[in-house]
Amino acid sequence: MKIKEKKDFDAVKYAREQKDRLSALFSEMTKEEILEYLKRKSVERGRVKPGA
């Protein structure tokens, strides 16, 4: 039987934390504010639409 090593990074835990953080943030925003937030973050990260 293999002995499990301690994880340095837990992807599932991180994803859940991010989901909870965004859920709390978006619960206070309107649909238009959410869309603007996502567009702004996309531009900040340098992502471009595939057809652009």
N, C-alpha and C. Protein backbone atom coordinates (compact mmCIF):
# COMPACT_ATOMS: atom_id res chain seq x y z
N MET A 1 0.83 -1.18 0.00
CA MET A 1 0.00 0.00 0.00
C MET A 1 0.88 1.25 0.00
N LYS A 2 0.51 2.22 -0.85
CA LYS A 2 1.29 3.45 -0.94
C LYS A 2 0.95 4.38 0.22
N ILE A 3 1.94 5.11 0.64
CA ILE A 3 1.75 6.11 1.67
C ILE A 3 1.51 7.45 0.98
N LYS A 4 0.42 8.12 1.31
CA LYS A 4 0.11 9.40 0.69
C LYS A 4 1.05 10.47 1.21
N GLU A 5 1.52 11.28 0.26
CA GLU A 5 2.37 12.41 0.64
C GLU A 5 1.49 13.62 0.92
N LYS A 6 1.98 14.50 1.77
CA LYS A 6 1.24 15.73 2.07
C LYS A 6 1.29 16.62 0.84
N LYS A 7 0.12 17.14 0.46
CA LYS A 7 0.03 18.00 -0.71
C LYS A 7 0.55 19.40 -0.39
N ASP A 8 1.29 19.97 -1.33
CA ASP A 8 1.71 21.36 -1.19
C ASP A 8 0.58 22.28 -1.62
N PHE A 9 -0.21 21.84 -2.60
CA PHE A 9 -1.29 22.64 -3.14
C PHE A 9 -2.50 21.74 -3.34
N ASP A 10 -3.62 22.13 -2.77
CA ASP A 10 -4.85 21.35 -2.90
C ASP A 10 -5.76 22.09 -3.87
N ALA A 11 -5.86 21.60 -5.10
CA ALA A 11 -6.62 22.27 -6.14
C ALA A 11 -8.11 22.33 -5.83
N VAL A 12 -8.66 21.29 -5.26
CA VAL A 12 -10.09 21.27 -4.94
C VAL A 12 -10.40 22.31 -3.86
N LYS A 13 -9.57 22.38 -2.85
CA LYS A 13 -9.76 23.37 -1.78
C LYS A 13 -9.67 24.78 -2.35
N TYR A 14 -8.69 25.02 -3.22
CA TYR A 14 -8.51 26.32 -3.83
C TYR A 14 -9.72 26.70 -4.68
N ALA A 15 -10.22 25.76 -5.49
CA ALA A 15 -11.38 26.03 -6.34
C ALA A 15 -12.61 26.37 -5.51
N ARG A 16 -12.81 25.67 -4.43
CA ARG A 16 -13.96 25.94 -3.56
C ARG A 16 -13.83 27.31 -2.90
N GLU A 17 -12.62 27.67 -2.48
CA GLU A 17 -12.40 28.98 -1.88
C GLU A 17 -12.71 30.10 -2.88
N GLN A 18 -12.27 29.92 -4.13
CA GLN A 18 -12.51 30.92 -5.15
C GLN A 18 -14.00 31.02 -5.48
N LYS A 19 -14.68 29.89 -5.54
CA LYS A 19 -16.11 29.87 -5.81
C LYS A 19 -16.86 30.62 -4.71
N ASP A 20 -16.50 30.37 -3.47
CA ASP A 20 -17.14 31.04 -2.34
C ASP A 20 -16.86 32.54 -2.35
N ARG A 21 -15.63 32.92 -2.68
CA ARG A 21 -15.25 34.33 -2.73
C ARG A 21 -16.05 35.06 -3.81
N LEU A 22 -16.11 34.47 -5.01
CA LEU A 22 -16.85 35.10 -6.09
C LEU A 22 -18.35 35.13 -5.82
N SER A 23 -18.86 34.09 -5.22
CA SER A 23 -20.28 34.03 -4.90
C SER A 23 -20.65 35.17 -3.94
N ALA A 24 -19.83 35.41 -2.95
CA ALA A 24 -20.08 36.49 -2.00
C ALA A 24 -19.98 37.85 -2.69
N LEU A 25 -19.02 37.99 -3.58
CA LEU A 25 -18.83 39.24 -4.31
C LEU A 25 -20.01 39.50 -5.24
N PHE A 26 -20.41 38.49 -6.01
CA PHE A 26 -21.47 38.65 -7.00
C PHE A 26 -22.85 38.78 -6.36
N SER A 27 -23.04 38.30 -5.17
CA SER A 27 -24.36 38.38 -4.54
C SER A 27 -24.77 39.82 -4.27
N GLU A 28 -23.79 40.71 -4.21
CA GLU A 28 -24.06 42.13 -3.95
C GLU A 28 -24.12 42.95 -5.23
N MET A 29 -23.94 42.31 -6.40
CA MET A 29 -23.89 43.05 -7.66
C MET A 29 -25.11 42.75 -8.52
N THR A 30 -25.38 43.70 -9.43
CA THR A 30 -26.42 43.47 -10.42
C THR A 30 -25.80 42.69 -11.58
N LYS A 31 -26.65 42.22 -12.49
CA LYS A 31 -26.17 41.46 -13.64
C LYS A 31 -25.19 42.30 -14.46
N GLU A 32 -25.50 43.56 -14.67
CA GLU A 32 -24.64 44.44 -15.45
C GLU A 32 -23.29 44.65 -14.77
N GLU A 33 -23.30 44.80 -13.46
CA GLU A 33 -22.05 44.98 -12.71
C GLU A 33 -21.18 43.72 -12.78
N ILE A 34 -21.81 42.56 -12.74
CA ILE A 34 -21.07 41.30 -12.83
C ILE A 34 -20.40 41.19 -14.20
N LEU A 35 -21.16 41.48 -15.26
CA LEU A 35 -20.60 41.41 -16.61
C LEU A 35 -19.44 42.39 -16.77
N GLU A 36 -19.58 43.59 -16.25
CA GLU A 36 -18.51 44.59 -16.33
C GLU A 36 -17.28 44.12 -15.55
N TYR A 37 -17.49 43.55 -14.40
CA TYR A 37 -16.39 43.02 -13.58
C TYR A 37 -15.61 41.95 -14.35
N LEU A 38 -16.36 41.02 -14.95
CA LEU A 38 -15.72 39.93 -15.69
C LEU A 38 -14.98 40.44 -16.92
N LYS A 39 -15.55 41.40 -17.62
CA LYS A 39 -14.86 41.99 -18.77
C LYS A 39 -13.58 42.68 -18.34
N ARG A 40 -13.66 43.46 -17.24
CA ARG A 40 -12.49 44.18 -16.74
C ARG A 40 -11.38 43.22 -16.33
N LYS A 41 -11.74 42.15 -15.64
CA LYS A 41 -10.74 41.17 -15.21
C LYS A 41 -10.11 40.46 -16.41
N SER A 42 -10.91 40.19 -17.43
CA SER A 42 -10.41 39.54 -18.63
C SER A 42 -9.36 40.41 -19.31
N VAL A 43 -9.64 41.71 -19.41
CA VAL A 43 -8.70 42.64 -20.04
C VAL A 43 -7.44 42.77 -19.19
N GLU A 44 -7.60 42.84 -17.87
CA GLU A 44 -6.44 42.96 -16.98
C GLU A 44 -5.49 41.78 -17.12
N ARG A 45 -6.05 40.61 -17.36
CA ARG A 45 -5.22 39.42 -17.48
C ARG A 45 -4.68 39.22 -18.89
N GLY A 46 -5.08 40.09 -19.82
CA GLY A 46 -4.56 40.02 -21.17
C GLY A 46 -5.23 38.99 -22.05
N ARG A 47 -6.42 38.57 -21.67
CA ARG A 47 -7.12 37.57 -22.48
C ARG A 47 -7.89 38.27 -23.58
N VAL A 48 -7.89 37.64 -24.75
CA VAL A 48 -8.57 38.20 -25.90
C VAL A 48 -9.55 37.17 -26.41
N LYS A 49 -10.70 37.63 -26.93
CA LYS A 49 -11.65 36.72 -27.50
C LYS A 49 -11.02 35.98 -28.68
N PRO A 50 -11.36 34.70 -28.87
CA PRO A 50 -10.75 33.92 -29.96
C PRO A 50 -10.93 34.53 -31.35
N GLY A 51 -12.05 35.17 -31.62
CA GLY A 51 -12.31 35.72 -32.94
C GLY A 51 -11.73 37.12 -33.15
N ALA A 52 -11.09 37.69 -32.15
CA ALA A 52 -10.61 39.06 -32.25
C ALA A 52 -9.28 39.15 -32.96
